Protein backbone atom coordinates (compact mmCIF):
# COMPACT_ATOMS: atom_id res chain seq x y z
CA MET A 1 -11.91 -195.62 -79.80
CA ASP A 2 -14.74 -193.56 -80.11
CA THR A 3 -16.42 -192.75 -76.63
CA GLY A 4 -20.05 -191.83 -76.63
CA ASN A 5 -21.11 -189.67 -79.06
CA GLU A 6 -17.57 -187.73 -79.48
CA THR A 7 -16.17 -187.83 -82.96
CA LEU A 8 -12.90 -189.34 -83.70
CA SER A 9 -11.57 -186.07 -85.84
CA THR A 10 -10.20 -183.45 -83.71
CA ASP A 11 -10.76 -180.88 -86.30
CA PHE A 12 -13.59 -178.39 -86.25
CA ILE A 13 -15.60 -176.93 -89.20
CA LEU A 14 -16.44 -173.18 -89.36
CA LEU A 15 -19.47 -173.15 -91.08
CA GLY A 16 -18.41 -169.43 -91.89
CA LEU A 17 -20.30 -166.14 -92.31
CA PHE A 18 -24.37 -166.62 -92.23
CA PRO A 19 -24.38 -170.14 -93.48
CA GLY A 20 -27.43 -170.49 -96.30
CA MET A 21 -27.01 -166.56 -97.09
CA LYS A 22 -26.80 -165.71 -101.06
CA HIS A 23 -24.15 -163.72 -102.77
CA VAL A 24 -21.37 -164.29 -99.30
CA GLY A 25 -18.79 -163.77 -101.92
CA ILE A 26 -19.70 -160.20 -102.20
CA LEU A 27 -19.59 -159.83 -98.42
CA VAL A 28 -16.33 -161.59 -98.15
CA SER A 29 -14.85 -159.24 -100.80
CA MET A 30 -16.29 -156.40 -98.74
CA ILE A 31 -14.72 -157.64 -95.26
CA LEU A 32 -11.43 -157.80 -97.45
CA LEU A 33 -11.39 -154.26 -98.60
CA ILE A 34 -12.43 -153.32 -94.84
CA TYR A 35 -9.46 -155.45 -93.78
CA THR A 36 -6.96 -153.54 -96.34
CA ILE A 37 -8.23 -150.00 -94.96
CA ALA A 38 -7.84 -151.22 -91.38
CA LEU A 39 -4.31 -152.53 -92.11
CA THR A 40 -3.23 -149.44 -94.21
CA GLY A 41 -4.79 -146.96 -91.31
CA ASN A 42 -3.68 -148.31 -88.15
CA THR A 43 0.01 -148.96 -89.77
CA ALA A 44 -0.14 -145.38 -90.91
CA LEU A 45 -1.18 -144.24 -87.43
CA ILE A 46 1.56 -146.06 -85.76
CA PHE A 47 4.42 -145.03 -88.05
CA LEU A 48 2.86 -141.01 -87.72
CA ILE A 49 3.07 -141.31 -84.11
CA TRP A 50 6.80 -142.65 -84.19
CA LEU A 51 7.94 -140.57 -86.71
CA ASP A 52 6.61 -137.14 -85.45
CA PRO A 53 8.26 -135.68 -82.34
CA HIS A 54 4.99 -133.79 -81.77
CA LEU A 55 3.19 -136.88 -80.99
CA HIS A 56 5.69 -138.35 -78.64
CA THR A 57 3.12 -138.17 -75.68
CA SER A 58 1.63 -140.39 -73.26
CA MET A 59 -1.89 -139.99 -75.09
CA TYR A 60 -0.43 -140.98 -78.65
CA PHE A 61 1.75 -143.84 -77.14
CA LEU A 62 -1.44 -145.17 -75.66
CA LEU A 63 -3.25 -144.58 -79.19
CA SER A 64 -0.65 -146.27 -81.36
CA GLN A 65 -1.03 -149.35 -78.97
CA LEU A 66 -4.66 -149.46 -79.60
CA SER A 67 -3.92 -149.26 -83.13
CA LEU A 68 -1.62 -152.29 -82.76
CA ILE A 69 -4.22 -154.26 -80.95
CA ASP A 70 -6.60 -153.51 -83.69
CA LEU A 71 -4.21 -154.58 -86.15
CA ALA A 72 -3.65 -157.70 -84.60
CA PHE A 73 -7.45 -158.26 -83.75
CA ILE A 74 -8.56 -158.14 -87.13
CA SER A 75 -5.81 -160.23 -88.69
CA SER A 76 -6.49 -163.08 -85.99
CA THR A 77 -9.71 -163.69 -87.74
CA VAL A 78 -10.23 -162.08 -91.20
CA PRO A 79 -7.10 -164.13 -93.25
CA LYS A 80 -8.13 -167.65 -92.15
CA MET A 81 -11.69 -166.63 -92.95
CA ALA A 82 -11.00 -165.62 -96.50
CA VAL A 83 -8.58 -168.48 -97.06
CA ASN A 84 -11.40 -171.12 -96.09
CA PHE A 85 -14.28 -169.19 -98.34
CA PHE A 86 -11.75 -169.09 -101.41
CA SER A 87 -10.31 -172.43 -100.87
CA GLY A 88 -13.62 -174.10 -100.06
CA LYS A 89 -12.16 -176.00 -97.11
CA LYS A 90 -13.89 -175.10 -93.79
CA LYS A 91 -11.80 -177.16 -91.23
CA ILE A 92 -9.65 -175.76 -88.52
CA SER A 93 -7.38 -177.98 -86.21
CA LEU A 94 -8.05 -178.31 -82.58
CA ILE A 95 -4.40 -176.42 -82.04
CA GLY A 96 -5.57 -173.82 -84.42
CA CYS A 97 -8.90 -173.20 -82.95
CA GLY A 98 -7.47 -173.05 -79.58
CA THR A 99 -4.87 -170.63 -80.86
CA GLN A 100 -7.48 -168.44 -82.34
CA ILE A 101 -9.39 -168.25 -79.24
CA PHE A 102 -6.44 -167.40 -77.05
CA PHE A 103 -5.46 -164.44 -79.53
CA THR A 104 -8.98 -163.09 -79.87
CA LEU A 105 -9.64 -163.25 -76.14
CA THR A 106 -6.33 -161.51 -75.56
CA LEU A 107 -6.77 -158.76 -77.68
CA GLY A 108 -10.33 -158.14 -76.68
CA ILE A 109 -9.83 -158.01 -73.37
CA ALA A 110 -6.48 -155.89 -73.58
CA GLU A 111 -8.33 -153.44 -75.52
CA CYS A 112 -10.97 -153.10 -72.80
CA ILE A 113 -8.37 -152.29 -70.46
CA LEU A 114 -6.41 -150.01 -72.50
CA LEU A 115 -9.44 -148.01 -73.47
CA THR A 116 -10.31 -147.62 -69.78
CA LEU A 117 -6.48 -146.51 -69.07
CA MET A 118 -6.91 -143.89 -71.97
CA ALA A 119 -9.93 -142.43 -70.40
CA TYR A 120 -8.16 -142.08 -67.33
CA ASP A 121 -5.20 -140.55 -69.14
CA ARG A 122 -7.87 -138.19 -70.49
CA TYR A 123 -9.09 -137.38 -67.04
CA VAL A 124 -5.61 -136.37 -65.51
CA ALA A 125 -4.67 -134.41 -68.39
CA ILE A 126 -7.92 -132.16 -68.58
CA CYS A 127 -8.65 -132.25 -64.76
CA HIS A 128 -4.89 -132.19 -63.35
CA PRO A 129 -2.92 -130.64 -66.27
CA LEU A 130 -0.16 -129.48 -64.06
CA LYS A 131 0.37 -132.79 -62.25
CA TYR A 132 -0.08 -134.63 -65.92
CA PRO A 133 3.54 -135.18 -66.48
CA ILE A 134 4.37 -136.42 -63.06
CA ILE A 135 1.27 -138.80 -62.83
CA ILE A 136 1.27 -140.02 -66.61
CA SER A 137 5.01 -140.08 -67.18
CA PRO A 138 6.26 -142.26 -70.09
CA GLN A 139 7.32 -144.79 -67.90
CA VAL A 140 3.65 -145.09 -66.48
CA SER A 141 2.26 -144.95 -69.97
CA GLN A 142 4.51 -147.82 -70.82
CA GLN A 143 3.30 -149.94 -67.97
CA MET A 144 -0.46 -149.16 -68.80
CA ALA A 145 0.23 -150.71 -72.05
CA ILE A 146 2.34 -153.80 -70.54
CA GLY A 147 -0.32 -154.09 -68.37
CA SER A 148 -3.12 -154.18 -70.67
CA TRP A 149 -1.50 -156.98 -72.78
CA VAL A 150 -0.21 -159.04 -69.80
CA ALA A 151 -3.77 -158.85 -68.18
CA GLY A 152 -5.24 -159.93 -71.35
CA ALA A 153 -3.12 -163.03 -72.01
CA LEU A 154 -3.59 -164.48 -68.33
CA ALA A 155 -7.23 -163.87 -68.27
CA SER A 156 -7.27 -165.58 -72.12
CA LEU A 157 -5.27 -168.36 -71.38
CA VAL A 158 -7.43 -169.16 -68.44
CA HIS A 159 -10.54 -169.30 -70.43
CA THR A 160 -8.74 -170.69 -73.51
CA THR A 161 -7.66 -173.66 -71.46
CA TYR A 162 -10.73 -174.32 -69.58
CA SER A 163 -13.08 -174.21 -72.72
CA MET A 164 -10.97 -176.27 -74.64
CA HIS A 165 -10.71 -179.15 -72.20
CA PHE A 166 -14.64 -180.21 -72.19
CA PRO A 167 -15.59 -183.42 -74.05
CA LEU A 168 -17.42 -182.33 -77.35
CA CYS A 169 -20.45 -184.56 -78.77
CA GLY A 170 -21.74 -184.78 -82.31
CA PRO A 171 -20.22 -183.15 -85.51
CA ARG A 172 -17.63 -180.44 -84.64
CA GLU A 173 -19.38 -177.80 -86.77
CA LEU A 174 -19.16 -173.98 -85.27
CA HIS A 175 -21.75 -171.53 -86.50
CA HIS A 176 -19.25 -169.11 -86.93
CA PHE A 177 -16.42 -167.65 -88.97
CA PHE A 178 -14.05 -167.95 -86.47
CA CYS A 179 -13.28 -170.02 -83.27
CA GLU A 180 -15.28 -168.65 -80.47
CA VAL A 181 -15.77 -169.46 -76.50
CA LYS A 182 -19.59 -169.60 -76.65
CA ALA A 183 -19.72 -171.72 -80.12
CA ILE A 184 -17.33 -174.17 -78.53
CA LEU A 185 -19.22 -174.76 -75.53
CA LYS A 186 -22.47 -175.00 -77.54
CA LEU A 187 -20.69 -178.41 -78.51
CA SER A 188 -19.86 -179.83 -74.82
CA CYS A 189 -21.31 -183.03 -73.69
CA GLU A 190 -20.82 -181.64 -69.97
CA ASP A 191 -22.82 -179.46 -67.61
CA ILE A 192 -20.94 -176.29 -68.53
CA SER A 193 -23.14 -174.03 -65.99
CA ALA A 194 -20.55 -173.45 -63.52
CA TYR A 195 -17.96 -172.32 -66.23
CA GLU A 196 -20.95 -170.12 -67.66
CA LYS A 197 -21.13 -168.33 -64.13
CA GLY A 198 -17.20 -167.75 -64.66
CA VAL A 199 -17.84 -166.25 -67.96
CA VAL A 200 -20.45 -163.89 -66.77
CA VAL A 201 -18.09 -162.74 -64.00
CA THR A 202 -15.40 -162.10 -66.15
CA SER A 203 -17.78 -160.17 -68.61
CA ILE A 204 -18.80 -157.93 -65.54
CA ILE A 205 -14.89 -157.45 -64.67
CA VAL A 206 -13.84 -156.81 -68.22
CA VAL A 207 -16.68 -155.15 -69.36
CA LEU A 208 -19.10 -153.41 -66.86
CA LEU A 209 -16.41 -152.20 -64.66
CA PRO A 210 -14.46 -150.74 -67.47
CA VAL A 211 -17.46 -149.00 -68.68
CA SER A 212 -18.20 -147.85 -65.03
CA LEU A 213 -14.87 -146.17 -64.82
CA ILE A 214 -14.89 -144.77 -68.20
CA LEU A 215 -18.21 -142.88 -67.40
CA ALA A 216 -17.03 -141.85 -64.02
CA SER A 217 -14.03 -140.17 -66.03
CA TYR A 218 -15.84 -138.60 -68.45
CA THR A 219 -18.27 -137.22 -66.00
CA LEU A 220 -15.35 -135.43 -64.29
CA ILE A 221 -14.01 -134.35 -67.53
CA PHE A 222 -17.24 -133.03 -68.83
CA LEU A 223 -17.65 -131.02 -65.50
CA ALA A 224 -14.13 -129.52 -65.72
CA VAL A 225 -14.73 -128.62 -69.35
CA LEU A 226 -17.54 -126.60 -68.52
CA ARG A 227 -15.40 -124.74 -65.89
CA MET A 228 -12.85 -123.89 -68.53
CA ASN A 229 -12.80 -120.29 -69.52
CA SER A 230 -11.10 -120.78 -72.82
CA PRO A 231 -13.33 -121.48 -75.88
CA GLU A 232 -10.10 -123.23 -77.86
CA GLY A 233 -9.18 -125.46 -74.71
CA ARG A 234 -12.58 -126.34 -74.19
CA ASN A 235 -13.16 -127.30 -78.03
CA LYS A 236 -9.67 -128.96 -78.04
CA ALA A 237 -10.74 -131.13 -74.74
CA LEU A 238 -14.10 -132.02 -76.14
CA ALA A 239 -12.65 -133.03 -79.76
CA THR A 240 -10.33 -135.49 -78.22
CA CYS A 241 -12.82 -136.59 -75.60
CA SER A 242 -15.48 -137.39 -78.32
CA SER A 243 -13.12 -139.30 -80.45
CA HIS A 244 -12.40 -141.54 -77.65
CA LEU A 245 -16.09 -141.86 -76.32
CA THR A 246 -16.90 -142.73 -79.98
CA VAL A 247 -14.78 -145.75 -80.05
CA VAL A 248 -15.65 -146.89 -76.58
CA THR A 249 -19.07 -146.91 -77.59
CA PHE A 250 -18.67 -148.70 -80.60
CA TYR A 251 -16.44 -151.38 -78.98
CA TYR A 252 -18.17 -151.89 -75.79
CA GLY A 253 -21.82 -151.87 -77.49
CA PRO A 254 -21.51 -155.02 -79.42
CA ALA A 255 -19.27 -156.68 -76.42
CA MET A 256 -22.05 -155.97 -74.15
CA MET A 257 -24.87 -157.23 -76.26
CA ILE A 258 -22.81 -160.67 -76.86
CA TYR A 259 -21.32 -161.24 -73.59
CA MET A 260 -24.15 -160.15 -71.19
CA ARG A 261 -27.78 -160.43 -73.13
CA PRO A 262 -29.97 -163.00 -71.56
CA GLY A 263 -30.07 -165.75 -74.20
CA SER A 264 -27.52 -164.60 -76.63
CA SER A 265 -26.30 -167.96 -77.32
CA HIS A 266 -29.70 -168.67 -79.16
CA THR A 267 -29.20 -166.08 -81.62
CA PRO A 268 -25.88 -167.29 -83.66
CA ILE A 269 -27.10 -164.93 -86.49
CA LEU A 270 -27.00 -162.02 -84.40
CA ASN A 271 -24.11 -162.97 -82.58
CA GLN A 272 -21.93 -162.98 -86.20
CA ALA A 273 -23.28 -159.58 -86.94
CA LEU A 274 -21.83 -158.27 -83.84
CA PHE A 275 -18.89 -159.87 -83.90
CA MET A 276 -18.14 -158.76 -87.22
CA PHE A 277 -18.92 -155.06 -85.80
CA ASP A 278 -16.41 -155.55 -82.81
CA THR A 279 -13.48 -157.40 -84.60
CA ILE A 280 -13.81 -156.04 -88.32
CA LEU A 281 -15.37 -152.93 -88.71
CA THR A 282 -14.24 -151.11 -85.39
CA PRO A 283 -10.35 -151.64 -86.12
CA MET A 284 -10.93 -150.08 -89.32
CA MET A 285 -12.96 -147.14 -88.11
CA ASN A 286 -10.67 -146.32 -84.98
CA PRO A 287 -7.61 -144.66 -86.52
CA LEU A 288 -10.13 -142.92 -89.16
CA ILE A 289 -11.91 -141.46 -85.98
CA TYR A 290 -8.87 -140.25 -83.99
CA SER A 291 -7.16 -138.71 -86.99
CA LEU A 292 -9.93 -137.16 -89.06
CA ARG A 293 -11.03 -135.31 -85.74
CA ASN A 294 -7.70 -134.62 -84.24
CA ARG A 295 -5.69 -131.63 -85.82
CA GLU A 296 -2.39 -132.86 -84.35
CA VAL A 297 -2.73 -136.00 -86.16
CA VAL A 298 -3.74 -134.41 -89.30
CA GLY A 299 -1.02 -131.87 -89.14
CA ALA A 300 1.45 -134.68 -88.63
CA LEU A 301 0.09 -136.51 -91.68
CA ARG A 302 0.68 -133.26 -93.73
CA LYS A 303 4.18 -132.95 -92.65
CA VAL A 304 5.08 -136.29 -93.55
CA LEU A 305 3.33 -136.03 -96.97
CA LYS A 306 5.09 -132.76 -97.85
CA ARG A 307 8.43 -134.66 -96.91
CA CYS A 308 7.89 -137.29 -99.08
CA LEU A 309 6.73 -134.84 -101.86
CA ILE A 310 9.80 -132.52 -101.64
CA SER A 311 11.85 -135.73 -101.54
CA LYS A 312 10.89 -136.57 -104.82
């Protein structure tokens, strides 16, 4: 029997991208094109790092993990959104919604941690080059990657379990293109102020603390670069660091506006645009940023292409 205003159905209705917008089909088609580019770019980068012995370093191993996260991140939202749009069905089950929340949070938090560890990797490589092989050994880089995934999964499990246990009132309509914690909480019948404070604390730990550590790392890096005598070494260090800083800006900028902006829950349209940038555009741009501005990656790509042409 129905209690209070809770609906009998446990399914949620995803209203999709910008409800009421004309020509949404064009936008969805563009997103599918972006998805294809992201899949191709990230998969190619992972295989390139795996195939070329010159790229078997800690920096590129962590970069391959970033590509893996991006692949999973964009795949956790876009296929379901596209299926819903083209089939005309907007429902998602309770289990499906919880699963989507778990994976998007896991991958989002894991990427935050990994980007911070990648900044530390660059700091050690540039500021302490002689100690780099000892401090950032292959085993340590593997532990960094595993730690990012595990920490993301544990934090996500807590938030997914807690956010999904609240009783919900009224129609289970989510003004979003995927199941997201803040969209779910807006439907809650209970006072969620205590949990929202917990979200703020998590945001500080997952967003502000890593950003602070990244800024500290790059401040020390730039000071070290200015002291370099070799122009070639200086340019190489700046090229690598600028790529990482660009990715950090693209990822953390929208994340901070979504989770740390006062009154963000009252701007669902802006939130959708920011989520699109974070979960769809950024995974497409990351492999392009790292490959086009990196001579070693471009060189490895040329070698692989030459092998393919010779084998034909």
